[in-house]
Amino acid sequence: MASELVGLKVDVIVTSQTPSVQAIQKVSSTIPIVFGALSFPIENGIIASFARPGRNATGMTVLSEELNGKRLELLKEVAPKIMRIGVFSNLDNPTQPLEWRQIQFAAQGLGLKLQYLGVRSANDFDATFKAALSERVQALMNLPEALVNANFKRIAAFAAKHKMPAIYSDQSPIDVDGLMFYGPITSDVWRRAAIYVYEILKGAKPADLPVEQPTKFEFVINLKTAKQIGLTIPQKVLIRADKVIK
């Protein structure tokens, strides 16, 4: 797909995942790339620095260590007795090992144990669900990733069936009975990406446009799902939510 877009000589390519940015950079060092909510762009060789990206890509990055740590904290607050959390991740995404190492440090500080639930395709989820049950996972979360995001409906259904609290990095699961979401406001991220596109089409170079971080975050709780799994959300958590679905 990257080669096809480059062959069409498009003016700019917009994407959101590390593998897609890397694929484009392999076939073109000149076509501008705007990415949204990317993590570890320096470590993955996509940019040289946040202030001066230096290559043909720029956009928005996220502080995954802080966000994933916060998600663990919220799970622990709504379900204090949980000890083991299953974490969904894409085995083929180069960003995921970096996120996994960071989230393990956060888990240790909270006295939690993590169970890695790795997938490579949509066909792998049933096996990871079985692994979660065999490892006696008590709650679920995910590392931000497109493949996992595309299967949120299945994850939310599994969590509801087995009465597991779960928190997500994307708000979509909340619309299909997901329990909690915490992360950047997606619409704001992509509005900012549109401004990058505008600047590039006016003549700016991605190498000179600093990479930014989201400034607005949202915490959403679905009380319908909480009731379904027999969970009472503490009032001290509810009052911090930006949105409560009843």
C-alpha atoms as a PDB file:
ATOM      1  CA  MET A   1       0.000   0.000   0.000  1.00  0.00           C
ATOM      2  CA  ALA A   2       2.862   2.371   0.785  1.00  0.00           C
ATOM      3  CA  SER A   3       4.441   1.709  -2.616  1.00  0.00           C
ATOM      4  CA  GLU A   4       1.104   2.280  -4.323  1.00  0.00           C
ATOM      5  CA  LEU A   5       0.618   5.653  -2.626  1.00  0.00           C
ATOM      6  CA  VAL A   6       4.154   6.709  -3.461  1.00  0.00           C
ATOM      7  CA  GLY A   7       3.575   5.630  -7.059  1.00  0.00           C
ATOM      8  CA  LEU A   8       0.505   7.851  -7.220  1.00  0.00           C
ATOM      9  CA  LYS A   9       2.740  10.774  -6.211  1.00  0.00           C
ATOM     10  CA  VAL A  10       0.384  12.028  -3.515  1.00  0.00           C
ATOM     11  CA  ASP A  11       1.231  15.330  -1.838  1.00  0.00           C
ATOM     12  CA  VAL A  12       1.041  14.069   1.759  1.00  0.00           C
ATOM     13  CA  ILE A  13       0.197  10.823   3.560  1.00  0.00           C
ATOM     14  CA  VAL A  14      -1.658  10.753   6.899  1.00  0.00           C
ATOM     15  CA  THR A  15      -1.459   7.714   9.162  1.00  0.00           C
ATOM     16  CA  SER A  16      -1.414   6.729  12.831  1.00  0.00           C
ATOM     17  CA  GLN A  17       0.714   3.623  13.366  1.00  0.00           C
ATOM     18  CA  THR A  18       4.456   3.039  13.554  1.00  0.00           C
ATOM     19  CA  PRO A  19       4.538   0.129  11.026  1.00  0.00           C
ATOM     20  CA  SER A  20       2.739   2.211   8.390  1.00  0.00           C
ATOM     21  CA  VAL A  21       5.088   5.194   8.834  1.00  0.00           C
ATOM     22  CA  GLN A  22       8.099   2.889   8.602  1.00  0.00           C
ATOM     23  CA  ALA A  23       6.703   1.227   5.473  1.00  0.00           C
ATOM     24  CA  ILE A  24       6.273   4.605   3.774  1.00  0.00           C
ATOM     25  CA  GLN A  25       9.758   5.778   4.769  1.00  0.00           C
ATOM     26  CA  LYS A  26      11.247   2.626   3.242  1.00  0.00           C
ATOM     27  CA  VAL A  27       9.906   3.534  -0.198  1.00  0.00           C
ATOM     28  CA  SER A  28      10.078   7.330  -0.020  1.00  0.00           C
ATOM     29  CA  SER A  29      12.270   9.791   1.823  1.00  0.00           C
ATOM     30  CA  THR A  30      10.557  12.809   0.279  1.00  0.00           C
ATOM     31  CA  ILE A  31       6.751  12.452   0.394  1.00  0.00           C
ATOM     32  CA  PRO A  32       5.562  14.181   3.599  1.00  0.00           C
ATOM     33  CA  ILE A  33       3.993  11.997   6.295  1.00  0.00           C
ATOM     34  CA  VAL A  34       1.744  13.293   9.064  1.00  0.00           C
ATOM     35  CA  PHE A  35       1.158  10.882  11.941  1.00  0.00           C
ATOM     36  CA  GLY A  36      -1.304  11.040  14.815  1.00  0.00           C
ATOM     37  CA  ALA A  37      -0.740   9.794  18.369  1.00  0.00           C
ATOM     38  CA  LEU A  38       2.460   7.871  17.620  1.00  0.00           C
ATOM     39  CA  SER A  39       4.570   6.576  20.496  1.00  0.00           C
ATOM     40  CA  PHE A  40       8.384   6.247  20.541  1.00  0.00           C
ATOM     41  CA  PRO A  41       8.982   7.936  17.154  1.00  0.00           C
ATOM     42  CA  ILE A  42      12.621   8.658  18.051  1.00  0.00           C
ATOM     43  CA  GLU A  43      13.394   5.154  19.307  1.00  0.00           C
ATOM     44  CA  ASN A  44      11.855   3.663  16.143  1.00  0.00           C
ATOM     45  CA  GLY A  45      13.942   5.880  13.860  1.00  0.00           C
ATOM     46  CA  ILE A  46      11.008   7.830  12.452  1.00  0.00           C
ATOM     47  CA  ILE A  47      12.274  11.246  13.577  1.00  0.00           C
ATOM     48  CA  ALA A  48      15.581  12.614  14.863  1.00  0.00           C
ATOM     49  CA  SER A  49      14.074  14.773  17.631  1.00  0.00           C
ATOM     50  CA  PHE A  50      10.768  16.297  18.678  1.00  0.00           C
ATOM     51  CA  ALA A  51      11.952  19.846  18.009  1.00  0.00           C
ATOM     52  CA  ARG A  52      13.421  19.070  14.578  1.00  0.00           C
ATOM     53  CA  PRO A  53      12.125  15.778  13.159  1.00  0.00           C
ATOM     54  CA  GLY A  54      14.784  15.893  10.436  1.00  0.00           C
ATOM     55  CA  ARG A  55      13.127  13.481   8.020  1.00  0.00           C
ATOM     56  CA  ASN A  56       9.874  13.401   6.020  1.00  0.00           C
ATOM     57  CA  ALA A  57       7.530  12.711   8.954  1.00  0.00           C
ATOM     58  CA  THR A  58       5.999  14.785  11.742  1.00  0.00           C
ATOM     59  CA  GLY A  59       2.796  14.940  13.770  1.00  0.00           C
ATOM     60  CA  MET A  60       1.539  14.051  17.239  1.00  0.00           C
ATOM     61  CA  THR A  61       3.167  11.783  19.822  1.00  0.00           C
ATOM     62  CA  VAL A  62       1.872  10.405  23.124  1.00  0.00           C
ATOM     63  CA  LEU A  63       3.594   9.772  26.445  1.00  0.00           C
ATOM     64  CA  SER A  64       2.646   6.116  26.613  1.00  0.00           C
ATOM     65  CA  GLU A  65       4.439   5.476  29.911  1.00  0.00           C
ATOM     66  CA  GLU A  66       2.302   8.006  31.782  1.00  0.00           C
ATOM     67  CA  LEU A  67      -0.929   6.996  30.018  1.00  0.00           C
ATOM     68  CA  ASN A  68      -0.506   3.256  30.533  1.00  0.00           C
ATOM     69  CA  GLY A  69       0.499   3.803  34.147  1.00  0.00           C
ATOM     70  CA  LYS A  70      -2.599   5.921  34.689  1.00  0.00           C
ATOM     71  CA  ARG A  71      -4.795   3.212  33.171  1.00  0.00           C
ATOM     72  CA  LEU A  72      -3.362   0.668  35.597  1.00  0.00           C
ATOM     73  CA  GLU A  73      -4.007   3.038  38.501  1.00  0.00           C
ATOM     74  CA  LEU A  74      -7.634   3.492  37.459  1.00  0.00           C
ATOM     75  CA  LEU A  75      -8.179  -0.264  37.198  1.00  0.00           C
ATOM     76  CA  LYS A  76      -6.732  -0.710  40.675  1.00  0.00           C
ATOM     77  CA  GLU A  77      -8.950   2.055  42.049  1.00  0.00           C
ATOM     78  CA  VAL A  78     -12.212   0.640  40.695  1.00  0.00           C
ATOM     79  CA  ALA A  79     -11.304  -2.943  41.601  1.00  0.00           C
ATOM     80  CA  PRO A  80      -8.829  -2.853  44.536  1.00  0.00           C
ATOM     81  CA  LYS A  81      -8.681  -6.640  44.892  1.00  0.00           C
ATOM     82  CA  ILE A  82      -7.336  -7.344  41.413  1.00  0.00           C
ATOM     83  CA  MET A  83      -3.777  -8.595  41.213  1.00  0.00           C
ATOM     84  CA  ARG A  84      -3.352  -9.921  37.662  1.00  0.00           C
ATOM     85  CA  ILE A  85      -4.110  -7.886  34.538  1.00  0.00           C
ATOM     86  CA  GLY A  86      -4.137  -9.171  30.975  1.00  0.00           C
ATOM     87  CA  VAL A  87      -2.566  -6.792  28.440  1.00  0.00           C
ATOM     88  CA  PHE A  88      -3.417  -7.128  24.747  1.00  0.00           C
ATOM     89  CA  SER A  89      -0.623  -6.312  22.318  1.00  0.00           C
ATOM     90  CA  ASN A  90       0.390  -6.806  18.668  1.00  0.00           C
ATOM     91  CA  LEU A  91       3.468  -9.015  18.463  1.00  0.00           C
ATOM     92  CA  ASP A  92       4.463  -7.530  15.084  1.00  0.00           C
ATOM     93  CA  ASN A  93       4.369  -3.864  16.094  1.00  0.00           C
ATOM     94  CA  PRO A  94       7.927  -2.646  16.918  1.00  0.00           C
ATOM     95  CA  THR A  95       6.562  -0.115  19.402  1.00  0.00           C
ATOM     96  CA  GLN A  96       4.906  -2.704  21.630  1.00  0.00           C
ATOM     97  CA  PRO A  97       8.046  -4.152  23.312  1.00  0.00           C
ATOM     98  CA  LEU A  98       9.024  -0.634  24.384  1.00  0.00           C
ATOM     99  CA  GLU A  99       5.555  -0.017  25.816  1.00  0.00           C
ATOM    100  CA  TRP A 100       5.567  -3.435  27.503  1.00  0.00           C
ATOM    101  CA  ARG A 101       8.815  -2.726  29.353  1.00  0.00           C
ATOM    102  CA  GLN A 102       7.499   0.597  30.588  1.00  0.00           C
ATOM    103  CA  ILE A 103       4.147  -0.730  31.726  1.00  0.00           C
ATOM    104  CA  GLN A 104       5.860  -3.472  33.720  1.00  0.00           C
ATOM    105  CA  PHE A 105       7.628  -0.825  35.814  1.00  0.00           C
ATOM    106  CA  ALA A 106       4.297   0.882  36.472  1.00  0.00           C
ATOM    107  CA  ALA A 107       2.706  -2.439  37.451  1.00  0.00           C
ATOM    108  CA  GLN A 108       5.478  -3.242  39.917  1.00  0.00           C
ATOM    109  CA  GLY A 109       4.917   0.086  41.667  1.00  0.00           C
ATOM    110  CA  LEU A 110       1.232  -0.772  42.096  1.00  0.00           C
ATOM    111  CA  GLY A 111       1.827  -4.354  43.233  1.00  0.00           C
ATOM    112  CA  LEU A 112       0.232  -5.762  40.073  1.00  0.00           C
ATOM    113  CA  LYS A 113       1.231  -8.674  37.849  1.00  0.00           C
ATOM    114  CA  LEU A 114       0.767  -8.498  34.083  1.00  0.00           C
ATOM    115  CA  GLN A 115      -0.100 -11.287  31.662  1.00  0.00           C
ATOM    116  CA  TYR A 116       1.015 -10.603  28.089  1.00  0.00           C
ATOM    117  CA  LEU A 117      -1.741 -11.399  25.560  1.00  0.00           C
ATOM    118  CA  GLY A 118      -0.008 -11.140  22.193  1.00  0.00           C
ATOM    119  CA  VAL A 119      -1.700 -11.404  18.792  1.00  0.00           C
ATOM    120  CA  ARG A 120      -0.587 -11.168  15.171  1.00  0.00           C
ATOM    121  CA  SER A 121      -3.983 -11.262  13.443  1.00  0.00           C
ATOM    122  CA  ALA A 122      -7.702 -11.204  14.197  1.00  0.00           C
ATOM    123  CA  ASN A 123      -7.626 -15.007  14.219  1.00  0.00           C
ATOM    124  CA  ASP A 124      -5.423 -15.020  17.338  1.00  0.00           C
ATOM    125  CA  PHE A 125      -7.883 -13.420  19.747  1.00  0.00           C
ATOM    126  CA  ASP A 126      -9.777 -16.586  20.667  1.00  0.00           C
ATOM    127  CA  ALA A 127      -6.499 -18.184  21.769  1.00  0.00           C
ATOM    128  CA  THR A 128      -5.554 -15.135  23.846  1.00  0.00           C
ATOM    129  CA  PHE A 129      -8.985 -15.209  25.507  1.00  0.00           C
ATOM    130  CA  LYS A 130      -8.357 -18.822  26.518  1.00  0.00           C
ATOM    131  CA  ALA A 131      -4.892 -17.868  27.782  1.00  0.00           C
ATOM    132  CA  ALA A 132      -6.390 -15.062  29.875  1.00  0.00           C
ATOM    133  CA  LEU A 133      -8.758 -17.522  31.533  1.00  0.00           C
ATOM    134  CA  SER A 134      -6.099 -20.192  32.093  1.00  0.00           C
ATOM    135  CA  GLU A 135      -3.772 -17.613  33.656  1.00  0.00           C
ATOM    136  CA  ARG A 136      -6.617 -16.394  35.893  1.00  0.00           C
ATOM    137  CA  VAL A 137      -6.507 -12.831  34.636  1.00  0.00           C
ATOM    138  CA  GLN A 138      -8.802 -10.588  36.688  1.00  0.00           C
ATOM    139  CA  ALA A 139      -8.866  -7.415  34.543  1.00  0.00           C
ATOM    140  CA  LEU A 140      -7.935  -6.299  31.035  1.00  0.00           C
ATOM    141  CA  MET A 141      -6.275  -3.431  29.203  1.00  0.00           C
ATOM    142  CA  ASN A 142      -4.410  -2.930  25.943  1.00  0.00           C
ATOM    143  CA  LEU A 143      -1.325  -1.292  24.589  1.00  0.00           C
ATOM    144  CA  PRO A 144      -2.457   1.272  21.943  1.00  0.00           C
ATOM    145  CA  GLU A 145      -2.355  -0.476  18.566  1.00  0.00           C
ATOM    146  CA  ALA A 146      -4.453  -0.621  15.386  1.00  0.00           C
ATOM    147  CA  LEU A 147      -4.980  -4.404  15.250  1.00  0.00           C
ATOM    148  CA  VAL A 148      -6.114  -4.500  18.872  1.00  0.00           C
ATOM    149  CA  ASN A 149      -8.282  -1.415  18.365  1.00  0.00           C
ATOM    150  CA  ALA A 150     -10.027  -3.090  15.431  1.00  0.00           C
ATOM    151  CA  ASN A 151     -11.063  -5.981  17.704  1.00  0.00           C
ATOM    152  CA  PHE A 152     -12.261  -3.968  20.702  1.00  0.00           C
ATOM    153  CA  LYS A 153     -15.826  -5.248  20.290  1.00  0.00           C
ATOM    154  CA  ARG A 154     -14.660  -8.826  20.863  1.00  0.00           C
ATOM    155  CA  ILE A 155     -12.505  -7.814  23.832  1.00  0.00           C
ATOM    156  CA  ALA A 156     -15.376  -5.874  25.425  1.00  0.00           C
ATOM    157  CA  ALA A 157     -17.742  -8.832  24.946  1.00  0.00           C
ATOM    158  CA  PHE A 158     -15.204 -11.203  26.514  1.00  0.00           C
ATOM    159  CA  ALA A 159     -14.655  -8.867  29.472  1.00  0.00           C
ATOM    160  CA  ALA A 160     -18.405  -8.520  30.047  1.00  0.00           C
ATOM    161  CA  LYS A 161     -19.021 -12.266  29.790  1.00  0.00           C
ATOM    162  CA  HIS A 162     -16.397 -13.062  32.408  1.00  0.00           C
ATOM    163  CA  LYS A 163     -17.136 -10.005  34.567  1.00  0.00           C
ATOM    164  CA  MET A 164     -13.682  -8.499  34.180  1.00  0.00           C
ATOM    165  CA  PRO A 165     -13.120  -4.740  34.574  1.00  0.00           C
ATOM    166  CA  ALA A 166     -11.303  -3.350  31.547  1.00  0.00           C
ATOM    167  CA  ILE A 167      -9.837  -0.021  30.472  1.00  0.00           C
ATOM    168  CA  TYR A 168      -9.076   0.939  26.889  1.00  0.00           C
ATOM    169  CA  SER A 169      -6.792   3.334  25.014  1.00  0.00           C
ATOM    170  CA  ASP A 170      -9.536   4.149  22.502  1.00  0.00           C
ATOM    171  CA  GLN A 171     -13.035   5.407  23.204  1.00  0.00           C
ATOM    172  CA  SER A 172     -14.722   3.106  20.652  1.00  0.00           C
ATOM    173  CA  PRO A 173     -15.193   0.188  23.109  1.00  0.00           C
ATOM    174  CA  ILE A 174     -17.276   2.405  25.393  1.00  0.00           C
ATOM    175  CA  ASP A 175     -19.910   2.403  22.659  1.00  0.00           C
ATOM    176  CA  VAL A 176     -20.005  -1.424  22.726  1.00  0.00           C
ATOM    177  CA  ASP A 177     -20.198  -1.956  26.493  1.00  0.00           C
ATOM    178  CA  GLY A 178     -16.563  -1.231  27.361  1.00  0.00           C
ATOM    179  CA  LEU A 179     -16.102  -0.179  30.999  1.00  0.00           C
ATOM    180  CA  MET A 180     -13.542   2.658  30.954  1.00  0.00           C
ATOM    181  CA  PHE A 181     -11.508   4.788  28.573  1.00  0.00           C
ATOM    182  CA  TYR A 182      -8.608   7.088  29.392  1.00  0.00           C
ATOM    183  CA  GLY A 183      -6.509   8.837  26.790  1.00  0.00           C
ATOM    184  CA  PRO A 184      -6.132  11.758  24.411  1.00  0.00           C
ATOM    185  CA  ILE A 185      -9.276  13.198  22.845  1.00  0.00           C
ATOM    186  CA  THR A 186      -9.093  11.627  19.389  1.00  0.00           C
ATOM    187  CA  SER A 187     -10.917  14.417  17.581  1.00  0.00           C
ATOM    188  CA  ASP A 188      -8.430  16.977  18.917  1.00  0.00           C
ATOM    189  CA  VAL A 189      -5.472  14.871  17.789  1.00  0.00           C
ATOM    190  CA  TRP A 190      -6.764  14.647  14.226  1.00  0.00           C
ATOM    191  CA  ARG A 191      -7.758  18.297  14.080  1.00  0.00           C
ATOM    192  CA  ARG A 192      -4.144  19.083  14.908  1.00  0.00           C
ATOM    193  CA  ALA A 193      -2.992  16.606  12.239  1.00  0.00           C
ATOM    194  CA  ALA A 194      -5.106  18.532   9.721  1.00  0.00           C
ATOM    195  CA  ILE A 195      -3.202  21.700  10.597  1.00  0.00           C
ATOM    196  CA  TYR A 196       0.081  19.890   9.872  1.00  0.00           C
ATOM    197  CA  VAL A 197      -1.298  18.890   6.469  1.00  0.00           C
ATOM    198  CA  TYR A 198      -2.326  22.482   5.802  1.00  0.00           C
ATOM    199  CA  GLU A 199       1.124  23.800   6.688  1.00  0.00           C
ATOM    200  CA  ILE A 200       2.829  21.207   4.481  1.00  0.00           C
ATOM    201  CA  LEU A 201       0.576  21.961   1.520  1.00  0.00           C
ATOM    202  CA  LYS A 202       1.536  25.621   1.940  1.00  0.00           C
ATOM    203  CA  GLY A 203       5.206  24.680   1.607  1.00  0.00           C
ATOM    204  CA  ALA A 204       6.445  23.781   5.084  1.00  0.00           C
ATOM    205  CA  LYS A 205       8.801  20.796   5.405  1.00  0.00           C
ATOM    206  CA  PRO A 206       8.006  17.976   7.884  1.00  0.00           C
ATOM    207  CA  ALA A 207      11.661  18.008   8.950  1.00  0.00           C
ATOM    208  CA  ASP A 208      11.155  21.522  10.338  1.00  0.00           C
ATOM    209  CA  LEU A 209       7.711  21.114  11.977  1.00  0.00           C
ATOM    210  CA  PRO A 210       8.100  20.137  15.652  1.00  0.00           C
ATOM    211  CA  VAL A 211       6.316  17.008  16.859  1.00  0.00           C
ATOM    212  CA  GLU A 212       3.659  17.862  19.440  1.00  0.00           C
ATOM    213  CA  GLN A 213       1.916  16.047  22.287  1.00  0.00           C
ATOM    214  CA  PRO A 214      -1.836  16.037  22.984  1.00  0.00           C
ATOM    215  CA  THR A 215      -2.895  18.518  25.650  1.00  0.00           C
ATOM    216  CA  LYS A 216      -6.451  17.303  26.277  1.00  0.00           C
ATOM    217  CA  PHE A 217      -7.277  13.932  27.824  1.00  0.00           C
ATOM    218  CA  GLU A 218     -10.591  12.319  28.663  1.00  0.00           C
ATOM    219  CA  PHE A 219     -11.739   9.775  31.251  1.00  0.00           C
ATOM    220  CA  VAL A 220     -15.021   7.990  30.478  1.00  0.00           C
ATOM    221  CA  ILE A 221     -16.890   5.436  32.608  1.00  0.00           C
ATOM    222  CA  ASN A 222     -19.790   3.254  31.458  1.00  0.00           C
ATOM    223  CA  LEU A 223     -22.001   2.586  34.499  1.00  0.00           C
ATOM    224  CA  LYS A 224     -24.215   0.231  32.487  1.00  0.00           C
ATOM    225  CA  THR A 225     -21.244  -2.059  31.986  1.00  0.00           C
ATOM    226  CA  ALA A 226     -20.179  -1.679  35.619  1.00  0.00           C
ATOM    227  CA  LYS A 227     -23.622  -2.883  36.712  1.00  0.00           C
ATOM    228  CA  GLN A 228     -23.499  -5.747  34.208  1.00  0.00           C
ATOM    229  CA  ILE A 229     -20.258  -7.099  35.671  1.00  0.00           C
ATOM    230  CA  GLY A 230     -21.312  -6.436  39.267  1.00  0.00           C
ATOM    231  CA  LEU A 231     -18.825  -3.628  39.895  1.00  0.00           C
ATOM    232  CA  THR A 232     -19.503  -0.563  42.017  1.00  0.00           C
ATOM    233  CA  ILE A 233     -17.411   2.398  40.878  1.00  0.00           C
ATOM    234  CA  PRO A 234     -16.124   4.363  43.915  1.00  0.00           C
ATOM    235  CA  GLN A 235     -17.467   7.893  44.159  1.00  0.00           C
ATOM    236  CA  LYS A 236     -13.928   9.302  44.272  1.00  0.00           C
ATOM    237  CA  VAL A 237     -13.358   7.836  40.805  1.00  0.00           C
ATOM    238  CA  LEU A 238     -16.728   8.863  39.394  1.00  0.00           C
ATOM    239  CA  ILE A 239     -16.227  12.525  40.254  1.00  0.00           C
ATOM    240  CA  ARG A 240     -12.989  12.555  38.228  1.00  0.00           C
ATOM    241  CA  ALA A 241     -14.664  11.253  35.084  1.00  0.00           C
ATOM    242  CA  ASP A 242     -15.191  13.682  32.216  1.00  0.00           C
ATOM    243  CA  LYS A 243     -18.153  11.622  31.035  1.00  0.00           C
ATOM    244  CA  VAL A 244     -20.322   9.027  32.762  1.00  0.00           C
ATOM    245  CA  ILE A 245     -22.586   6.807  30.664  1.00  0.00           C
ATOM    246  CA  LYS A 246     -25.717   5.777  32.541  1.00  0.00           C
END
